[in-house]
Amino acid sequence: MRKLTIALSIAVLTACHSATVQAEPQSAIQITRTGNADGRTIVLVPGLASSADVWADTISLLEPDYDVRTVQVAGFAGADPISYEGTYTDQITAALVSELRSTPANDAVLVGHSMGGFVSMKAALDAPDLVDELVIVDSLPFLAGLFFPGATPEMAAAQAPIMAGQMASMPRDAFDAQQKAGLARLVKTQTSLPEL
């Protein structure tokens, strides 16, 4: 089961490296805006398969002083999935950049966890004029290298379709059980699990 969790992570992150997005970017994320609209903008981007609710404690601390924008990514935590061309993270990045352009931000700070960190870095590279600072939490530049030292991007890319096929053919209840077991290793306290 641990290998399947690792395989899922590698397959998703390996797919993050290519193609230009052609689909409508706005549908990839939903933004909830709270706090002080005149304050500095803080954008919170959750990690793979996580709900925007993982930022609840952080939001309560920031709201009095900051313009807080919380991202919910399509396809995770009950949010409707989307169809897209290119890669999933390119789609999310394009939507995030579009949001920052359409709703002006004050010296925006992007705070991203894991996949959200990857997306935040991509957004800063794609639109450096819109992003003032980055805070990256537990994000890796090449996840496959963590689990398979010496792995190359080509090796990971060759394995990604195989792993994706294994996940797609897994019965839903088995997939859910595997995800739940994997999440338990990623939280500090068991009370945090429902937020993921």
C-alpha atoms as a PDB file:
ATOM      1  CA  MET A   1       0.000   0.000   0.000  1.00  0.00           C
ATOM      2  CA  ARG A   2       2.916   2.377   0.776  1.00  0.00           C
ATOM      3  CA  LYS A   3       4.288   1.805  -2.713  1.00  0.00           C
ATOM      4  CA  LEU A   4       0.909   2.731  -4.215  1.00  0.00           C
ATOM      5  CA  THR A   5       0.822   5.980  -2.238  1.00  0.00           C
ATOM      6  CA  ILE A   6       4.316   6.790  -3.421  1.00  0.00           C
ATOM      7  CA  ALA A   7       3.373   5.818  -6.964  1.00  0.00           C
ATOM      8  CA  LEU A   8       0.373   8.148  -6.892  1.00  0.00           C
ATOM      9  CA  SER A   9       2.522  11.044  -5.739  1.00  0.00           C
ATOM     10  CA  ILE A  10       5.176  10.364  -8.364  1.00  0.00           C
ATOM     11  CA  ALA A  11       2.626   9.960 -11.157  1.00  0.00           C
ATOM     12  CA  VAL A  12       0.891  13.238 -10.309  1.00  0.00           C
ATOM     13  CA  LEU A  13       4.063  15.267  -9.845  1.00  0.00           C
ATOM     14  CA  THR A  14       5.783  13.781 -12.889  1.00  0.00           C
ATOM     15  CA  ALA A  15       2.830  14.896 -14.983  1.00  0.00           C
ATOM     16  CA  CYS A  16       3.451  18.470 -13.809  1.00  0.00           C
ATOM     17  CA  HIS A  17       6.352  19.143 -16.183  1.00  0.00           C
ATOM     18  CA  SER A  18       4.890  19.653 -19.654  1.00  0.00           C
ATOM     19  CA  ALA A  19       2.527  21.337 -22.065  1.00  0.00           C
ATOM     20  CA  THR A  20       0.804  24.655 -22.362  1.00  0.00           C
ATOM     21  CA  VAL A  21      -2.703  24.972 -21.003  1.00  0.00           C
ATOM     22  CA  GLN A  22      -5.446  25.463 -23.552  1.00  0.00           C
ATOM     23  CA  ALA A  23      -8.581  24.956 -21.446  1.00  0.00           C
ATOM     24  CA  GLU A  24     -10.502  27.609 -19.512  1.00  0.00           C
ATOM     25  CA  PRO A  25      -8.310  28.381 -16.477  1.00  0.00           C
ATOM     26  CA  GLN A  26     -10.942  29.893 -14.173  1.00  0.00           C
ATOM     27  CA  SER A  27     -12.667  26.561 -13.505  1.00  0.00           C
ATOM     28  CA  ALA A  28      -9.539  24.980 -12.005  1.00  0.00           C
ATOM     29  CA  ILE A  29      -9.836  26.794  -8.678  1.00  0.00           C
ATOM     30  CA  GLN A  30     -12.358  28.451  -6.431  1.00  0.00           C
ATOM     31  CA  ILE A  31     -11.197  31.408  -4.352  1.00  0.00           C
ATOM     32  CA  THR A  32     -12.689  32.412  -1.009  1.00  0.00           C
ATOM     33  CA  ARG A  33     -11.731  35.932  -0.002  1.00  0.00           C
ATOM     34  CA  THR A  34     -11.893  37.048   3.637  1.00  0.00           C
ATOM     35  CA  GLY A  35     -10.183  39.452   5.983  1.00  0.00           C
ATOM     36  CA  ASN A  36      -9.104  43.034   5.414  1.00  0.00           C
ATOM     37  CA  ALA A  37      -9.496  43.929   1.727  1.00  0.00           C
ATOM     38  CA  ASP A  38      -7.031  46.809   2.176  1.00  0.00           C
ATOM     39  CA  GLY A  39      -4.369  44.629   3.792  1.00  0.00           C
ATOM     40  CA  ARG A  40      -1.503  42.790   2.168  1.00  0.00           C
ATOM     41  CA  THR A  41      -2.728  39.856   0.067  1.00  0.00           C
ATOM     42  CA  ILE A  42      -1.979  36.338   1.313  1.00  0.00           C
ATOM     43  CA  VAL A  43      -2.988  33.491  -1.034  1.00  0.00           C
ATOM     44  CA  LEU A  44      -3.180  30.029   0.566  1.00  0.00           C
ATOM     45  CA  VAL A  45      -2.850  27.045  -1.807  1.00  0.00           C
ATOM     46  CA  PRO A  46      -3.398  23.535  -0.359  1.00  0.00           C
ATOM     47  CA  GLY A  47      -1.533  20.372  -1.245  1.00  0.00           C
ATOM     48  CA  LEU A  48      -2.493  17.366  -3.340  1.00  0.00           C
ATOM     49  CA  ALA A  49      -6.001  16.041  -2.582  1.00  0.00           C
ATOM     50  CA  SER A  50      -6.442  18.497   0.316  1.00  0.00           C
ATOM     51  CA  SER A  51      -9.318  20.768   1.161  1.00  0.00           C
ATOM     52  CA  ALA A  52      -8.903  24.510   1.520  1.00  0.00           C
ATOM     53  CA  ASP A  53     -10.050  23.880   5.100  1.00  0.00           C
ATOM     54  CA  VAL A  54      -6.501  22.782   6.021  1.00  0.00           C
ATOM     55  CA  TRP A  55      -5.758  26.512   6.290  1.00  0.00           C
ATOM     56  CA  ALA A  56      -8.556  27.260   8.830  1.00  0.00           C
ATOM     57  CA  ASP A  57      -6.255  27.967  11.792  1.00  0.00           C
ATOM     58  CA  THR A  58      -3.938  30.059   9.619  1.00  0.00           C
ATOM     59  CA  ILE A  59      -6.859  32.052   8.216  1.00  0.00           C
ATOM     60  CA  SER A  60      -8.161  32.925  11.686  1.00  0.00           C
ATOM     61  CA  LEU A  61      -4.753  34.386  12.560  1.00  0.00           C
ATOM     62  CA  LEU A  62      -4.421  36.381   9.324  1.00  0.00           C
ATOM     63  CA  GLU A  63      -7.948  37.747   8.778  1.00  0.00           C
ATOM     64  CA  PRO A  64      -7.776  40.811  11.024  1.00  0.00           C
ATOM     65  CA  ASP A  65      -4.882  42.345   9.100  1.00  0.00           C
ATOM     66  CA  TYR A  66      -4.615  40.680   5.703  1.00  0.00           C
ATOM     67  CA  ASP A  67      -6.563  40.217   2.483  1.00  0.00           C
ATOM     68  CA  VAL A  68      -6.766  36.409   2.682  1.00  0.00           C
ATOM     69  CA  ARG A  69      -7.551  34.395  -0.439  1.00  0.00           C
ATOM     70  CA  THR A  70      -7.982  30.676   0.075  1.00  0.00           C
ATOM     71  CA  VAL A  71      -7.756  28.368  -2.938  1.00  0.00           C
ATOM     72  CA  GLN A  72      -9.885  25.248  -3.366  1.00  0.00           C
ATOM     73  CA  VAL A  73      -8.540  23.139  -6.208  1.00  0.00           C
ATOM     74  CA  ALA A  74     -10.944  21.388  -8.589  1.00  0.00           C
ATOM     75  CA  GLY A  75     -11.348  17.656  -8.091  1.00  0.00           C
ATOM     76  CA  PHE A  76     -10.282  17.601  -4.441  1.00  0.00           C
ATOM     77  CA  ALA A  77     -12.297  17.599  -1.202  1.00  0.00           C
ATOM     78  CA  GLY A  78     -15.670  17.406  -2.924  1.00  0.00           C
ATOM     79  CA  ALA A  79     -14.956  20.148  -5.495  1.00  0.00           C
ATOM     80  CA  ASP A  80     -16.102  19.199  -8.984  1.00  0.00           C
ATOM     81  CA  PRO A  81     -13.388  17.812 -11.265  1.00  0.00           C
ATOM     82  CA  ILE A  82     -12.510  19.581 -14.504  1.00  0.00           C
ATOM     83  CA  SER A  83     -11.462  18.628 -18.005  1.00  0.00           C
ATOM     84  CA  TYR A  84      -8.225  20.186 -19.152  1.00  0.00           C
ATOM     85  CA  GLU A  85      -5.425  20.049 -21.675  1.00  0.00           C
ATOM     86  CA  GLY A  86      -1.777  20.141 -20.719  1.00  0.00           C
ATOM     87  CA  THR A  87      -1.011  19.312 -17.111  1.00  0.00           C
ATOM     88  CA  TYR A  88      -3.183  19.678 -14.061  1.00  0.00           C
ATOM     89  CA  THR A  89      -0.724  21.974 -12.293  1.00  0.00           C
ATOM     90  CA  ASP A  90      -0.433  24.164 -15.400  1.00  0.00           C
ATOM     91  CA  GLN A  91      -4.222  24.523 -15.310  1.00  0.00           C
ATOM     92  CA  ILE A  92      -4.229  25.487 -11.632  1.00  0.00           C
ATOM     93  CA  THR A  93      -1.332  27.896 -12.149  1.00  0.00           C
ATOM     94  CA  ALA A  94      -3.080  29.606 -15.076  1.00  0.00           C
ATOM     95  CA  ALA A  95      -6.242  30.013 -12.987  1.00  0.00           C
ATOM     96  CA  LEU A  96      -4.279  31.423 -10.055  1.00  0.00           C
ATOM     97  CA  VAL A  97      -2.453  33.937 -12.249  1.00  0.00           C
ATOM     98  CA  SER A  98      -5.758  34.896 -13.886  1.00  0.00           C
ATOM     99  CA  GLU A  99      -7.315  35.447 -10.459  1.00  0.00           C
ATOM    100  CA  LEU A 100      -4.433  37.664  -9.359  1.00  0.00           C
ATOM    101  CA  ARG A 101      -4.722  39.700 -12.570  1.00  0.00           C
ATOM    102  CA  SER A 102      -8.505  40.101 -12.392  1.00  0.00           C
ATOM    103  CA  THR A 103      -8.684  40.924  -8.676  1.00  0.00           C
ATOM    104  CA  PRO A 104      -5.681  43.113  -7.922  1.00  0.00           C
ATOM    105  CA  ALA A 105      -3.527  42.031  -5.011  1.00  0.00           C
ATOM    106  CA  ASN A 106      -1.478  44.102  -2.582  1.00  0.00           C
ATOM    107  CA  ASP A 107       2.119  42.814  -2.570  1.00  0.00           C
ATOM    108  CA  ALA A 108       0.864  39.233  -2.863  1.00  0.00           C
ATOM    109  CA  VAL A 109       2.420  36.470  -0.799  1.00  0.00           C
ATOM    110  CA  LEU A 110       1.689  32.973  -2.103  1.00  0.00           C
ATOM    111  CA  VAL A 111       1.728  30.311   0.603  1.00  0.00           C
ATOM    112  CA  GLY A 112       1.665  26.811  -0.845  1.00  0.00           C
ATOM    113  CA  HIS A 113       1.822  23.379   0.723  1.00  0.00           C
ATOM    114  CA  SER A 114       3.305  20.464  -1.266  1.00  0.00           C
ATOM    115  CA  MET A 115       1.620  20.549  -4.687  1.00  0.00           C
ATOM    116  CA  GLY A 116       0.353  24.025  -3.716  1.00  0.00           C
ATOM    117  CA  GLY A 117       3.983  25.061  -3.227  1.00  0.00           C
ATOM    118  CA  PHE A 118       4.827  23.765  -6.683  1.00  0.00           C
ATOM    119  CA  VAL A 119       1.893  25.720  -8.159  1.00  0.00           C
ATOM    120  CA  SER A 120       2.904  28.839  -6.229  1.00  0.00           C
ATOM    121  CA  MET A 121       6.450  28.671  -7.617  1.00  0.00           C
ATOM    122  CA  LYS A 122       5.098  28.184 -11.155  1.00  0.00           C
ATOM    123  CA  ALA A 123       2.799  31.192 -10.701  1.00  0.00           C
ATOM    124  CA  ALA A 124       5.722  33.331  -9.507  1.00  0.00           C
ATOM    125  CA  LEU A 125       7.765  32.285 -12.552  1.00  0.00           C
ATOM    126  CA  ASP A 126       4.858  32.881 -14.950  1.00  0.00           C
ATOM    127  CA  ALA A 127       3.843  36.241 -13.468  1.00  0.00           C
ATOM    128  CA  PRO A 128       6.670  37.748 -11.395  1.00  0.00           C
ATOM    129  CA  ASP A 129       4.940  41.125 -11.536  1.00  0.00           C
ATOM    130  CA  LEU A 130       2.020  39.717  -9.500  1.00  0.00           C
ATOM    131  CA  VAL A 131       3.875  37.822  -6.779  1.00  0.00           C
ATOM    132  CA  ASP A 132       5.948  39.645  -4.181  1.00  0.00           C
ATOM    133  CA  GLU A 133       6.955  36.715  -1.942  1.00  0.00           C
ATOM    134  CA  LEU A 134       6.639  32.937  -1.639  1.00  0.00           C
ATOM    135  CA  VAL A 135       6.264  30.707   1.410  1.00  0.00           C
ATOM    136  CA  ILE A 136       6.720  27.061   0.437  1.00  0.00           C
ATOM    137  CA  VAL A 137       5.738  24.344   2.915  1.00  0.00           C
ATOM    138  CA  ASP A 138       6.962  20.750   2.408  1.00  0.00           C
ATOM    139  CA  SER A 139       7.319  20.913  -1.359  1.00  0.00           C
ATOM    140  CA  LEU A 140       9.969  19.056  -3.314  1.00  0.00           C
ATOM    141  CA  PRO A 141      11.452  19.884  -6.714  1.00  0.00           C
ATOM    142  CA  PHE A 142      11.521  16.184  -7.714  1.00  0.00           C
ATOM    143  CA  LEU A 143       9.461  13.847  -5.540  1.00  0.00           C
ATOM    144  CA  ALA A 144      10.634  10.669  -7.265  1.00  0.00           C
ATOM    145  CA  GLY A 145      14.173  11.373  -6.096  1.00  0.00           C
ATOM    146  CA  LEU A 146      13.048  11.225  -2.476  1.00  0.00           C
ATOM    147  CA  PHE A 147      11.705   7.691  -2.776  1.00  0.00           C
ATOM    148  CA  PHE A 148      14.037   6.394  -5.471  1.00  0.00           C
ATOM    149  CA  PRO A 149      17.503   7.956  -5.096  1.00  0.00           C
ATOM    150  CA  GLY A 150      19.171   8.252  -8.468  1.00  0.00           C
ATOM    151  CA  ALA A 151      15.881   8.359 -10.382  1.00  0.00           C
ATOM    152  CA  THR A 152      15.878  10.636 -13.407  1.00  0.00           C
ATOM    153  CA  PRO A 153      12.927  12.611 -14.790  1.00  0.00           C
ATOM    154  CA  GLU A 154      12.906  10.217 -17.753  1.00  0.00           C
ATOM    155  CA  MET A 155      12.688   7.190 -15.456  1.00  0.00           C
ATOM    156  CA  ALA A 156       9.840   8.744 -13.476  1.00  0.00           C
ATOM    157  CA  ALA A 157       8.011   9.761 -16.670  1.00  0.00           C
ATOM    158  CA  ALA A 158       8.234   6.194 -17.998  1.00  0.00           C
ATOM    159  CA  GLN A 159       6.684   4.830 -14.789  1.00  0.00           C
ATOM    160  CA  ALA A 160       3.920   7.458 -14.510  1.00  0.00           C
ATOM    161  CA  PRO A 161       1.485   5.923 -17.071  1.00  0.00           C
ATOM    162  CA  ILE A 162       1.866   2.487 -15.487  1.00  0.00           C
ATOM    163  CA  MET A 163       1.131   3.853 -12.031  1.00  0.00           C
ATOM    164  CA  ALA A 164      -1.772   5.935 -13.313  1.00  0.00           C
ATOM    165  CA  GLY A 165      -3.260   2.820 -14.944  1.00  0.00           C
ATOM    166  CA  GLN A 166      -2.955   0.881 -11.695  1.00  0.00           C
ATOM    167  CA  MET A 167      -4.745   3.639  -9.815  1.00  0.00           C
ATOM    168  CA  ALA A 168      -7.479   3.958 -12.438  1.00  0.00           C
ATOM    169  CA  SER A 169      -8.230   0.234 -12.291  1.00  0.00           C
ATOM    170  CA  MET A 170      -8.350   0.116  -8.475  1.00  0.00           C
ATOM    171  CA  PRO A 171     -11.857  -0.335  -6.988  1.00  0.00           C
ATOM    172  CA  ARG A 172     -13.090   2.891  -5.372  1.00  0.00           C
ATOM    173  CA  ASP A 173     -13.296   1.447  -1.845  1.00  0.00           C
ATOM    174  CA  ALA A 174      -9.702   0.170  -2.107  1.00  0.00           C
ATOM    175  CA  PHE A 175      -8.532   3.548  -3.394  1.00  0.00           C
ATOM    176  CA  ASP A 176     -10.298   5.374  -0.544  1.00  0.00           C
ATOM    177  CA  ALA A 177      -8.763   3.013   2.030  1.00  0.00           C
ATOM    178  CA  GLN A 178      -5.309   3.513   0.512  1.00  0.00           C
ATOM    179  CA  GLN A 179      -5.704   7.295   0.607  1.00  0.00           C
ATOM    180  CA  LYS A 180      -6.890   7.237   4.216  1.00  0.00           C
ATOM    181  CA  ALA A 181      -3.905   5.101   5.257  1.00  0.00           C
ATOM    182  CA  GLY A 182      -1.518   7.424   3.429  1.00  0.00           C
ATOM    183  CA  LEU A 183      -2.989  10.568   4.990  1.00  0.00           C
ATOM    184  CA  ALA A 184      -2.557   9.200   8.499  1.00  0.00           C
ATOM    185  CA  ARG A 185       1.206   9.355   8.003  1.00  0.00           C
ATOM    186  CA  LEU A 186       1.086  12.978   6.894  1.00  0.00           C
ATOM    187  CA  VAL A 187      -0.617  14.630   9.862  1.00  0.00           C
ATOM    188  CA  LYS A 188       0.670  15.617  13.254  1.00  0.00           C
ATOM    189  CA  THR A 189      -2.565  14.764  15.070  1.00  0.00           C
ATOM    190  CA  GLN A 190      -5.397  12.421  14.155  1.00  0.00           C
ATOM    191  CA  THR A 191      -7.905  15.238  14.730  1.00  0.00           C
ATOM    192  CA  SER A 192      -6.497  16.911  11.604  1.00  0.00           C
ATOM    193  CA  LEU A 193      -7.469  14.014   9.317  1.00  0.00           C
ATOM    194  CA  PRO A 194     -11.033  15.190   8.541  1.00  0.00           C
ATOM    195  CA  GLU A 195      -9.636  18.491   7.233  1.00  0.00           C
ATOM    196  CA  LEU A 196      -7.618  16.707   4.570  1.00  0.00           C
END
